[in-house]
Amino acid sequence: MSYRRESMMIGFAYTGVIVGAGFSTGQEILQFFTNYGTWSYAAIILSALIIMFVGRQAAKLGYRLKADSHEEPINTMFGDMIGKTIDYILVFFLYGISVIMLAGAGSAFYESFGVSPWLGSLIMMIAVFITLLLDFNKIVVVLGAVTPFLVAFILIVAAVNIFNPTVTFSEVNQYAQADRTPSGSWLWDALTYSGLTLATAFSFLSIMGSEATKHKAARRGALVGGMIILLLMVLINGGMLANLDAANHAALPTLLLADAVHPVIGTGLSVVMLLVIYNTAVGLMYPFLTRFTVAYSKKYTIMLIIGLLFGYALSFVGFVDLVNIFYPIFGYIGLFIGAGLTIRWVANKFSKKQLV
């Protein structure tokens, strides 16, 4: 496989891990960016640039260490004592966001197809279970397969809504509700969101980097993923700004925008949304499991079953409530990891001896 093709595969898989329930439904973008009105674009650009840089550094570190989990990269950056603390916090949140994906699936099934949330979450749980019994390389292919479809649907939905707005660009600040954002500061929320993205993807990026055949493929793959994420953030934000009055009252804002375009587009986006929720659940559960077990061992399978059943029970707390609780805190963890990656990059630039 050429390094360009491998880079694209890594980039699509990286995107697939990130754009889960909160992103694809529009809730993350709405809460962290859109309600800053015209300033939302500045926040998105800043956040995306950080995501591209630290994602690239995470994949490179995974490649150099040939890491089987995030434990070795974390300990390499922070030492055993601090590293172990971050390790366990990261593991806790990896599992927590996997639970959010199950809750998000329940909401998406209900909003899109009228399926009871408990059944929707159950269907997603079974699909995740089956996938996590596959070989890792097959998992990466599965994760990347849906990304082009997501980009296509979001492009259609955003374009139609941007060119046919119910709220003009000059009026968006009148409808923006900064009190609904995590901190009320677009700069801080941009930083926090980039941290959230890194914390979410760091474990999987480390493993994908270690599996890359070339250093160039690892770093470019993460960069490609970051660019796709930037594109999706801009498109979703633009579409919601054009309908901000309605978006602020919807549990699944992007689905609301898609249905306004055409019911067929709404149905198509609903299917894609469920697939990217599935992607993130798989992409986070795998590093959670391999942190404590050997992949595909008997212990791995037992832990997978127990983890999914317990997560299914927790998913009844509710999707939006879980996003509000978990995401800002997880973002701070990611910022800390991002700072560690940046310090290593600076040290390598000004040192004759390259760090591992």
Protein backbone atom coordinates (compact mmCIF):
# COMPACT_ATOMS: atom_id res chain seq x y z
CA MET A 1 0.00 0.00 0.00
CA SER A 2 1.37 3.46 -0.94
CA TYR A 3 1.94 5.92 1.88
CA ARG A 4 -0.59 8.33 0.28
CA ARG A 5 -3.33 5.72 0.34
CA GLU A 6 -2.36 4.74 3.87
CA SER A 7 -2.41 8.40 4.93
CA MET A 8 -5.93 8.82 3.56
CA MET A 9 -7.07 5.66 5.33
CA ILE A 10 -5.63 6.92 8.65
CA GLY A 11 -7.16 10.37 8.06
CA PHE A 12 -10.62 8.95 7.39
CA ALA A 13 -10.39 6.67 10.43
CA TYR A 14 -9.24 9.60 12.61
CA THR A 15 -12.25 11.60 11.41
CA GLY A 16 -14.49 8.61 12.01
CA VAL A 17 -13.42 8.40 15.64
CA ILE A 18 -13.99 12.14 16.25
CA VAL A 19 -17.31 12.77 14.52
CA GLY A 20 -19.50 10.76 16.84
CA ALA A 21 -22.84 11.53 18.42
CA GLY A 22 -22.05 15.05 19.65
CA PHE A 23 -20.33 16.20 16.44
CA SER A 24 -22.56 14.65 13.79
CA THR A 25 -25.79 15.74 15.49
CA GLY A 26 -24.48 19.29 15.77
CA GLN A 27 -24.66 19.44 19.58
CA GLU A 28 -20.89 19.87 20.07
CA ILE A 29 -20.57 22.58 17.43
CA LEU A 30 -23.67 24.36 18.73
CA GLN A 31 -22.50 24.34 22.35
CA PHE A 32 -18.83 25.18 21.77
CA PHE A 33 -18.98 27.49 18.72
CA THR A 34 -22.24 28.45 16.99
CA ASN A 35 -23.71 30.39 19.91
CA TYR A 36 -20.83 32.85 19.67
CA GLY A 37 -22.39 34.12 16.46
CA THR A 38 -19.92 35.67 14.01
CA TRP A 39 -17.02 34.91 16.39
CA SER A 40 -17.73 31.20 15.98
CA TYR A 41 -15.61 31.08 12.81
CA ALA A 42 -12.56 32.49 14.58
CA ALA A 43 -13.02 29.91 17.32
CA ILE A 44 -13.34 27.06 14.80
CA ILE A 45 -10.21 28.05 12.86
CA LEU A 46 -8.14 28.30 16.05
CA SER A 47 -9.45 24.98 17.36
CA ALA A 48 -8.91 23.19 14.04
CA LEU A 49 -5.32 24.40 13.71
CA ILE A 50 -4.57 23.00 17.18
CA ILE A 51 -6.34 19.74 16.30
CA MET A 52 -4.20 19.34 13.15
CA PHE A 53 -0.94 20.02 14.94
CA VAL A 54 -1.41 17.93 18.09
CA GLY A 55 -3.07 15.09 16.18
CA ARG A 56 -0.02 14.91 13.93
CA GLN A 57 2.30 14.87 16.95
CA ALA A 58 0.27 12.11 18.65
CA ALA A 59 0.42 9.85 15.58
CA LYS A 60 4.17 10.46 15.21
CA LEU A 61 4.80 9.56 18.85
CA GLY A 62 2.74 6.38 18.50
CA TYR A 63 4.78 5.40 15.44
CA ARG A 64 8.11 5.97 17.17
CA LEU A 65 7.14 4.03 20.28
CA LYS A 66 5.21 1.29 18.41
CA ALA A 67 2.62 1.66 21.18
CA ASP A 68 0.00 -1.02 21.83
CA SER A 69 -2.03 1.48 23.91
CA HIS A 70 -1.84 5.10 25.07
CA GLU A 71 -0.01 4.07 28.26
CA GLU A 72 3.53 4.18 26.84
CA PRO A 73 3.16 7.56 25.06
CA ILE A 74 1.61 9.10 28.19
CA ASN A 75 4.37 7.77 30.47
CA THR A 76 7.04 8.87 27.98
CA MET A 77 5.72 12.44 28.07
CA PHE A 78 4.89 12.83 31.75
CA GLY A 79 6.82 10.16 33.65
CA ASP A 80 5.42 7.15 35.49
CA MET A 81 3.73 8.94 38.41
CA ILE A 82 1.91 11.75 36.57
CA GLY A 83 1.52 9.52 33.54
CA LYS A 84 -0.35 6.86 35.50
CA THR A 85 -2.79 9.47 36.83
CA ILE A 86 -3.49 10.81 33.34
CA ASP A 87 -3.68 7.25 32.03
CA TYR A 88 -6.51 6.27 34.39
CA ILE A 89 -8.39 9.54 33.89
CA LEU A 90 -8.14 9.04 30.12
CA VAL A 91 -9.37 5.47 30.38
CA PHE A 92 -12.33 6.59 32.50
CA PHE A 93 -13.36 9.20 29.96
CA LEU A 94 -12.81 6.92 26.97
CA TYR A 95 -15.38 4.62 28.49
CA GLY A 96 -17.61 7.55 29.46
CA ILE A 97 -17.78 8.87 25.91
CA SER A 98 -18.45 5.37 24.61
CA VAL A 99 -21.51 5.40 26.86
CA ILE A 100 -22.47 8.80 25.41
CA MET A 101 -22.36 7.19 21.96
CA LEU A 102 -24.85 4.54 23.06
CA ALA A 103 -27.14 7.25 24.45
CA GLY A 104 -26.68 9.28 21.25
CA ALA A 105 -27.65 6.26 19.18
CA GLY A 106 -30.85 5.92 21.18
CA SER A 107 -31.71 9.59 20.55
CA ALA A 108 -30.81 9.35 16.85
CA PHE A 109 -32.89 6.20 16.27
CA TYR A 110 -35.86 7.83 18.01
CA GLU A 111 -35.63 11.21 16.25
CA SER A 112 -34.99 9.66 12.84
CA PHE A 113 -37.06 6.50 12.73
CA GLY A 114 -39.33 6.56 15.76
CA VAL A 115 -37.51 3.59 17.32
CA SER A 116 -37.61 3.57 21.13
CA PRO A 117 -34.34 4.92 22.59
CA TRP A 118 -33.74 1.73 24.60
CA LEU A 119 -33.97 -0.37 21.42
CA GLY A 120 -31.80 2.01 19.41
CA SER A 121 -29.06 1.89 22.03
CA LEU A 122 -29.34 -1.91 22.15
CA ILE A 123 -28.94 -2.21 18.37
CA MET A 124 -25.84 0.00 18.53
CA MET A 125 -24.41 -2.04 21.41
CA ILE A 126 -24.73 -5.28 19.44
CA ALA A 127 -23.11 -3.73 16.33
CA VAL A 128 -20.18 -2.45 18.40
CA PHE A 129 -19.75 -5.87 20.03
CA ILE A 130 -19.56 -7.68 16.69
CA THR A 131 -17.10 -5.16 15.20
CA LEU A 132 -14.73 -5.27 18.17
CA LEU A 133 -14.18 -8.95 17.54
CA LEU A 134 -12.63 -8.11 14.13
CA ASP A 135 -8.91 -7.69 13.36
CA PHE A 136 -7.60 -4.16 14.10
CA ASN A 137 -6.79 -3.35 10.45
CA LYS A 138 -10.35 -4.28 9.49
CA ILE A 139 -11.62 -2.00 12.27
CA VAL A 140 -9.62 0.91 10.77
CA VAL A 141 -11.14 0.24 7.33
CA VAL A 142 -14.65 0.15 8.83
CA LEU A 143 -14.07 3.42 10.69
CA GLY A 144 -12.89 5.24 7.58
CA ALA A 145 -15.52 3.96 5.16
CA VAL A 146 -18.35 6.27 6.24
CA THR A 147 -16.34 9.54 6.32
CA PRO A 148 -16.78 10.44 2.60
CA PHE A 149 -20.55 9.97 2.90
CA LEU A 150 -20.67 12.22 5.96
CA VAL A 151 -18.74 14.97 4.15
CA ALA A 152 -21.09 14.72 1.15
CA PHE A 153 -24.29 14.96 3.19
CA ILE A 154 -23.01 17.78 5.40
CA LEU A 155 -21.88 19.69 2.29
CA ILE A 156 -25.38 19.44 0.75
CA VAL A 157 -27.21 20.34 3.96
CA ALA A 158 -24.91 23.25 4.80
CA ALA A 159 -24.95 24.69 1.27
CA VAL A 160 -28.74 24.68 0.99
CA ASN A 161 -29.21 26.26 4.42
CA ILE A 162 -26.44 28.86 4.00
CA PHE A 163 -27.89 30.06 0.68
CA ASN A 164 -31.48 29.95 1.98
CA PRO A 165 -31.13 31.22 5.57
CA THR A 166 -33.95 31.96 8.00
CA VAL A 167 -31.41 34.08 9.90
CA THR A 168 -29.12 36.28 7.80
CA PHE A 169 -25.43 36.52 8.68
CA SER A 170 -25.88 40.12 9.84
CA GLU A 171 -28.56 38.97 12.32
CA VAL A 172 -26.88 35.91 13.85
CA ASN A 173 -25.52 37.78 16.86
CA GLN A 174 -29.09 38.65 17.84
CA TYR A 175 -29.93 34.94 18.13
CA ALA A 176 -26.61 33.79 19.60
CA GLN A 177 -26.87 32.64 23.22
CA ALA A 178 -23.39 32.73 24.75
CA ASP A 179 -24.88 31.68 28.10
CA ARG A 180 -25.48 28.23 26.57
CA THR A 181 -21.76 27.75 25.84
CA PRO A 182 -19.46 25.96 28.32
CA SER A 183 -17.50 29.05 29.45
CA GLY A 184 -18.90 32.14 27.74
CA SER A 185 -15.46 32.83 26.17
CA TRP A 186 -15.02 31.81 22.52
CA LEU A 187 -11.24 31.70 22.92
CA TRP A 188 -11.33 29.37 25.91
CA ASP A 189 -14.01 27.14 24.38
CA ALA A 190 -11.94 26.87 21.18
CA LEU A 191 -8.99 25.67 23.25
CA THR A 192 -11.17 23.33 25.31
CA TYR A 193 -12.72 21.79 22.21
CA SER A 194 -9.33 21.11 20.67
CA GLY A 195 -8.40 19.43 23.95
CA LEU A 196 -11.59 17.38 23.83
CA THR A 197 -10.79 16.23 20.31
CA LEU A 198 -7.25 15.22 21.20
CA ALA A 199 -8.31 13.44 24.39
CA THR A 200 -10.96 11.55 22.44
CA ALA A 201 -8.61 10.48 19.66
CA PHE A 202 -5.24 10.26 21.43
CA SER A 203 -5.45 6.58 22.33
CA PHE A 204 -6.61 5.53 18.89
CA LEU A 205 -4.12 7.87 17.16
CA SER A 206 -1.30 6.30 19.17
CA ILE A 207 -2.31 2.83 18.04
CA MET A 208 -2.93 3.87 14.42
CA GLY A 209 0.46 5.60 14.36
CA SER A 210 2.17 2.49 15.66
CA GLU A 211 0.48 0.38 12.98
CA ALA A 212 1.55 2.71 10.14
CA THR A 213 4.19 1.29 7.79
CA LYS A 214 5.94 4.66 7.41
CA HIS A 215 6.52 7.69 9.63
CA LYS A 216 5.29 9.91 6.78
CA ALA A 217 1.98 8.01 6.57
CA ALA A 218 1.38 8.41 10.32
CA ARG A 219 1.93 12.16 10.43
CA ARG A 220 0.17 12.95 7.14
CA GLY A 221 -2.77 10.75 8.02
CA ALA A 222 -3.44 12.73 11.18
CA LEU A 223 -3.08 15.97 9.22
CA VAL A 224 -5.60 14.80 6.61
CA GLY A 225 -8.03 13.91 9.39
CA GLY A 226 -7.60 17.35 10.96
CA MET A 227 -8.34 19.07 7.63
CA ILE A 228 -11.52 17.03 7.13
CA ILE A 229 -12.62 17.89 10.67
CA LEU A 230 -12.03 21.61 9.95
CA LEU A 231 -14.17 21.37 6.81
CA LEU A 232 -17.00 19.64 8.67
CA MET A 233 -16.88 22.13 11.56
CA VAL A 234 -17.14 25.12 9.19
CA LEU A 235 -19.99 23.55 7.20
CA ILE A 236 -22.06 22.49 10.22
CA ASN A 237 -21.52 25.83 11.92
CA GLY A 238 -22.54 27.76 8.80
CA GLY A 239 -25.71 25.72 8.39
CA MET A 240 -26.73 26.18 12.02
CA LEU A 241 -25.96 29.92 12.02
CA ALA A 242 -28.37 30.22 9.09
CA ASN A 243 -31.08 28.60 11.24
CA LEU A 244 -29.86 29.51 14.72
CA ASP A 245 -33.30 30.30 16.11
CA ALA A 246 -34.49 26.75 15.38
CA ALA A 247 -31.15 24.99 16.01
CA ASN A 248 -31.04 26.15 19.63
CA HIS A 249 -34.27 24.27 20.34
CA ALA A 250 -33.35 20.98 18.65
CA ALA A 251 -31.75 17.91 20.27
CA LEU A 252 -30.27 16.94 16.87
CA PRO A 253 -29.70 20.25 15.02
CA THR A 254 -28.09 18.84 11.87
CA LEU A 255 -30.99 16.44 11.39
CA LEU A 256 -33.37 19.40 11.67
CA LEU A 257 -31.45 21.18 8.90
CA ALA A 258 -31.38 18.05 6.72
CA ASP A 259 -35.13 17.49 7.01
CA ALA A 260 -35.67 21.11 5.97
CA VAL A 261 -33.77 20.42 2.73
CA HIS A 262 -35.70 17.26 1.80
CA PRO A 263 -36.99 14.20 3.71
CA VAL A 264 -34.73 11.95 1.63
CA ILE A 265 -31.67 13.98 2.66
CA GLY A 266 -32.86 13.82 6.26
CA THR A 267 -33.18 10.04 6.10
CA GLY A 268 -29.77 9.68 4.44
CA LEU A 269 -28.09 11.87 7.05
CA SER A 270 -29.84 9.89 9.80
CA VAL A 271 -28.25 6.68 8.54
CA VAL A 272 -24.82 8.31 8.21
CA MET A 273 -25.20 9.84 11.68
CA LEU A 274 -25.84 6.44 13.19
CA LEU A 275 -22.79 5.05 11.40
CA VAL A 276 -20.46 7.77 12.72
CA ILE A 277 -21.85 7.29 16.23
CA TYR A 278 -21.00 3.62 15.79
CA ASN A 279 -17.52 4.62 14.55
CA THR A 280 -16.74 6.60 17.68
CA ALA A 281 -18.09 3.94 20.01
CA VAL A 282 -15.84 1.35 18.33
CA GLY A 283 -12.86 3.71 18.17
CA LEU A 284 -13.00 4.48 21.89
CA MET A 285 -13.94 1.07 23.25
CA TYR A 286 -11.01 -0.63 21.50
CA PRO A 287 -8.23 1.37 23.25
CA PHE A 288 -10.18 1.16 26.51
CA LEU A 289 -10.21 -2.64 26.28
CA THR A 290 -6.61 -3.04 25.08
CA ARG A 291 -5.38 -0.87 27.94
CA PHE A 292 -6.30 -3.70 30.34
CA THR A 293 -6.30 -6.81 28.18
CA VAL A 294 -4.56 -8.41 25.21
CA ALA A 295 -6.64 -7.80 22.09
CA TYR A 296 -9.00 -10.67 21.21
CA SER A 297 -8.07 -12.73 24.25
CA LYS A 298 -10.71 -14.37 26.45
CA LYS A 299 -10.31 -11.57 29.01
CA TYR A 300 -10.79 -9.02 26.21
CA THR A 301 -14.09 -10.61 25.17
CA ILE A 302 -15.38 -10.85 28.76
CA MET A 303 -14.46 -7.22 29.47
CA LEU A 304 -16.11 -6.17 26.20
CA ILE A 305 -19.39 -7.86 27.17
CA ILE A 306 -19.41 -6.43 30.71
CA GLY A 307 -18.38 -2.96 29.53
CA LEU A 308 -21.11 -2.77 26.90
CA LEU A 309 -23.84 -4.06 29.20
CA PHE A 310 -22.90 -1.60 31.96
CA GLY A 311 -22.61 1.20 29.39
CA TYR A 312 -26.04 0.35 28.02
CA ALA A 313 -27.52 0.79 31.50
CA LEU A 314 -25.73 4.14 31.96
CA SER A 315 -26.97 5.39 28.57
CA PHE A 316 -30.43 5.94 30.06
CA VAL A 317 -29.13 9.08 31.82
CA GLY A 318 -29.75 10.93 28.53
CA PHE A 319 -27.63 12.14 25.63
CA VAL A 320 -27.63 15.94 26.09
CA ASP A 321 -27.05 15.70 29.86
CA LEU A 322 -24.07 13.40 29.35
CA VAL A 323 -22.55 15.78 26.77
CA ASN A 324 -22.86 18.71 29.18
CA ILE A 325 -21.21 16.76 32.03
CA PHE A 326 -18.38 14.92 30.29
CA TYR A 327 -17.15 17.02 27.39
CA PRO A 328 -15.79 20.20 29.04
CA ILE A 329 -13.90 18.21 31.71
CA PHE A 330 -12.46 15.83 29.13
CA GLY A 331 -11.30 18.83 27.12
CA TYR A 332 -9.03 19.96 29.97
CA ILE A 333 -7.35 16.54 30.00
CA GLY A 334 -6.73 16.82 26.28
CA LEU A 335 -5.22 20.29 26.68
CA PHE A 336 -2.74 18.88 29.18
CA ILE A 337 -1.76 16.09 26.76
CA GLY A 338 -1.55 18.63 23.93
CA ALA A 339 0.79 20.78 26.02
CA GLY A 340 3.02 17.73 26.58
CA LEU A 341 3.14 16.99 22.83
CA THR A 342 3.94 20.63 22.06
CA ILE A 343 6.77 20.76 24.59
CA ARG A 344 8.27 17.61 23.05
CA TRP A 345 8.02 19.15 19.58
CA VAL A 346 9.75 22.35 20.73
CA ALA A 347 12.44 20.32 22.53
CA ASN A 348 13.10 18.30 19.36
CA LYS A 349 13.41 21.46 17.28
CA PHE A 350 16.07 22.93 19.55
CA SER A 351 17.90 19.75 20.54
CA LYS A 352 20.64 17.93 18.67
CA LYS A 353 19.35 14.63 20.03
CA GLN A 354 15.80 13.79 19.00
CA LEU A 355 13.43 12.59 21.74
CA VAL A 356 11.77 9.25 21.21
